[in-house]
């Protein structure tokens, strides 16, 4: 876990990590959220809706943005203030995702950062983008 202080962070600073979406992650998210929509639980239904397989829950894959800020940028001293996500492509079980965040803005009066997040799959397709506002605690 990174331990960047507000003073350590510079505009343009970037961190990234990778994660593979597993069947266990999908099942655990279903149990936690209670969302049993067949788009996420029934491959046959998902295919009739135009997808190649069951679609990973959008909030499951975007929860990786929480890992990004909580562990990497800024890490230990972060407090999530706002997350705006745009879903661009579906994610499927087995997809290898690269999660990247870059500091775009610093707000000195509140010790806040605007981080531009992006998740891409192994085909180099952008599956989501995010604007993440994070307070860096002292």
Protein backbone atom coordinates (compact mmCIF):
# COMPACT_ATOMS: atom_id res chain seq x y z
CA UNK A 1 0.00 0.00 0.00
CA UNK A 2 1.29 3.42 -0.99
CA UNK A 3 1.35 6.18 1.63
CA UNK A 4 1.49 9.36 -0.44
CA UNK A 5 0.86 12.58 1.45
CA UNK A 6 -0.82 15.50 -0.30
CA UNK A 7 2.57 17.21 -0.63
CA UNK A 8 4.09 14.09 -2.28
CA UNK A 9 1.55 14.11 -5.09
CA UNK A 10 2.20 15.94 -8.34
CA UNK A 11 -0.12 16.63 -11.27
CA UNK A 12 0.50 13.94 -13.88
CA UNK A 13 1.46 11.31 -11.30
CA UNK A 14 0.12 7.92 -12.34
CA UNK A 15 -0.36 4.49 -10.77
CA UNK A 16 -1.78 1.27 -12.20
CA UNK A 17 -2.39 -2.38 -11.42
CA UNK A 18 -4.04 -5.39 -13.07
CA UNK A 19 -6.83 -7.70 -12.00
CA UNK A 20 -8.59 -10.70 -13.51
CA UNK A 21 -12.37 -10.88 -12.99
CA UNK A 22 -13.24 -14.33 -11.63
CA UNK A 23 -16.42 -16.35 -11.32
CA UNK A 24 -16.01 -16.20 -7.53
CA UNK A 25 -15.90 -12.40 -7.63
CA UNK A 26 -19.12 -12.38 -9.69
CA UNK A 27 -20.88 -14.83 -7.34
CA UNK A 28 -19.76 -12.94 -4.23
CA UNK A 29 -20.98 -9.65 -5.68
CA UNK A 30 -24.37 -11.22 -6.48
CA UNK A 31 -24.68 -12.42 -2.90
CA UNK A 32 -23.58 -9.08 -1.48
CA UNK A 33 -25.74 -6.89 -3.73
CA UNK A 34 -28.78 -9.14 -4.06
CA UNK A 35 -28.87 -8.32 -7.80
CA UNK A 36 -30.12 -11.45 -9.58
CA UNK A 37 -30.77 -9.88 -12.97
CA UNK A 38 -30.35 -12.66 -15.56
CA UNK A 39 -28.00 -10.50 -17.61
CA UNK A 40 -25.44 -11.26 -14.88
CA UNK A 41 -26.52 -14.77 -13.91
CA UNK A 42 -27.80 -16.55 -17.05
CA UNK A 43 -25.50 -16.92 -20.07
CA UNK A 44 -28.35 -17.97 -22.35
CA UNK A 45 -30.38 -14.88 -21.47
CA UNK A 46 -27.32 -12.61 -21.85
CA UNK A 47 -26.68 -14.04 -25.33
CA UNK A 48 -30.27 -13.39 -26.39
CA UNK A 49 -29.74 -9.79 -25.25
CA UNK A 50 -26.77 -9.46 -27.63
CA UNK A 51 -23.83 -10.19 -25.31
CA UNK A 52 -21.30 -12.98 -25.71
CA UNK A 53 -21.83 -14.29 -22.16
CA UNK A 54 -22.98 -13.22 -18.70
CA UNK A 55 -22.00 -9.60 -18.12
CA UNK A 56 -19.95 -8.76 -15.04
CA UNK A 57 -21.75 -6.38 -12.71
CA UNK A 58 -20.81 -2.80 -13.55
CA UNK A 59 -20.31 -1.93 -9.91
CA UNK A 60 -18.10 -4.98 -9.46
CA UNK A 61 -15.62 -3.87 -12.07
CA UNK A 62 -15.82 -0.23 -11.00
CA UNK A 63 -15.06 -1.26 -7.42
CA UNK A 64 -11.52 -1.63 -8.72
CA UNK A 65 -11.37 2.17 -8.69
CA UNK A 66 -11.69 1.89 -4.90
CA UNK A 67 -8.68 -0.41 -4.87
CA UNK A 68 -6.82 2.08 -7.08
CA UNK A 69 -7.25 5.00 -4.69
CA UNK A 70 -7.17 3.01 -1.46
CA UNK A 71 -3.99 1.12 -2.24
CA UNK A 72 -2.12 3.00 -4.97
CA UNK A 73 -3.03 6.67 -5.50
CA UNK A 74 -2.93 8.17 -2.96
CA UNK A 75 -3.22 5.00 -0.84
CA UNK A 76 -3.42 4.90 2.93
CA UNK A 77 -4.46 8.52 3.50
CA UNK A 78 -7.31 8.71 0.98
CA UNK A 79 -10.97 9.39 1.52
CA UNK A 80 -13.21 8.98 -1.54
CA UNK A 81 -15.39 12.05 -2.06
CA UNK A 82 -16.97 11.46 -5.47
CA UNK A 83 -16.91 8.89 -8.25
CA UNK A 84 -18.38 9.50 -11.72
CA UNK A 85 -18.14 6.51 -14.04
CA UNK A 86 -18.90 6.09 -17.71
CA UNK A 87 -19.41 2.48 -18.83
CA UNK A 88 -18.07 1.95 -22.35
CA UNK A 89 -17.86 -1.82 -22.97
CA UNK A 90 -19.12 -4.91 -21.16
CA UNK A 91 -16.77 -6.90 -18.93
CA UNK A 92 -16.86 -10.70 -18.82
CA UNK A 93 -15.62 -13.31 -16.36
CA UNK A 94 -11.98 -14.06 -17.17
CA UNK A 95 -11.22 -10.59 -18.52
CA UNK A 96 -7.83 -9.25 -17.50
CA UNK A 97 -8.24 -5.59 -16.64
CA UNK A 98 -5.65 -2.83 -16.26
CA UNK A 99 -6.75 -0.09 -13.88
CA UNK A 100 -4.97 3.26 -14.22
CA UNK A 101 -5.30 6.55 -12.38
CA UNK A 102 -3.65 9.88 -13.16
CA UNK A 103 -3.73 13.03 -11.05
CA UNK A 104 -5.26 15.78 -13.16
CA UNK A 105 -5.84 18.47 -10.56
CA UNK A 106 -4.93 19.40 -6.99
CA UNK A 107 -7.19 21.55 -4.82
CA UNK A 108 -4.92 22.91 -2.13
CA UNK A 109 -7.63 24.54 -0.01
CA UNK A 110 -9.26 21.13 0.66
CA UNK A 111 -6.27 18.78 0.07
CA UNK A 112 -8.27 17.11 -2.69
CA UNK A 113 -7.22 15.45 -5.93
CA UNK A 114 -9.07 14.93 -9.17
CA UNK A 115 -7.92 11.59 -10.53
CA UNK A 116 -8.82 10.44 -14.05
CA UNK A 117 -9.39 6.72 -13.96
CA UNK A 118 -9.48 4.24 -16.80
CA UNK A 119 -10.01 0.50 -17.02
CA UNK A 120 -8.97 -1.36 -20.16
CA UNK A 121 -9.29 -5.04 -21.03
CA UNK A 122 -6.70 -7.36 -22.57
CA UNK A 123 -7.87 -6.32 -26.06
CA UNK A 124 -6.86 -2.74 -25.18
CA UNK A 125 -10.53 -1.67 -25.20
CA UNK A 126 -11.57 0.96 -22.67
CA UNK A 127 -14.34 -0.61 -20.58
CA UNK A 128 -14.87 2.39 -18.29
CA UNK A 129 -13.56 5.83 -17.44
CA UNK A 130 -13.95 7.74 -14.21
CA UNK A 131 -13.52 11.10 -12.56
CA UNK A 132 -12.53 10.44 -8.97
CA UNK A 133 -12.40 13.13 -6.30
CA UNK A 134 -10.25 12.12 -3.34
CA UNK A 135 -9.38 13.93 -0.13
CA UNK A 136 -5.89 13.24 1.16
CA UNK A 137 -6.08 13.17 4.96
CA UNK A 138 -3.25 14.42 7.13
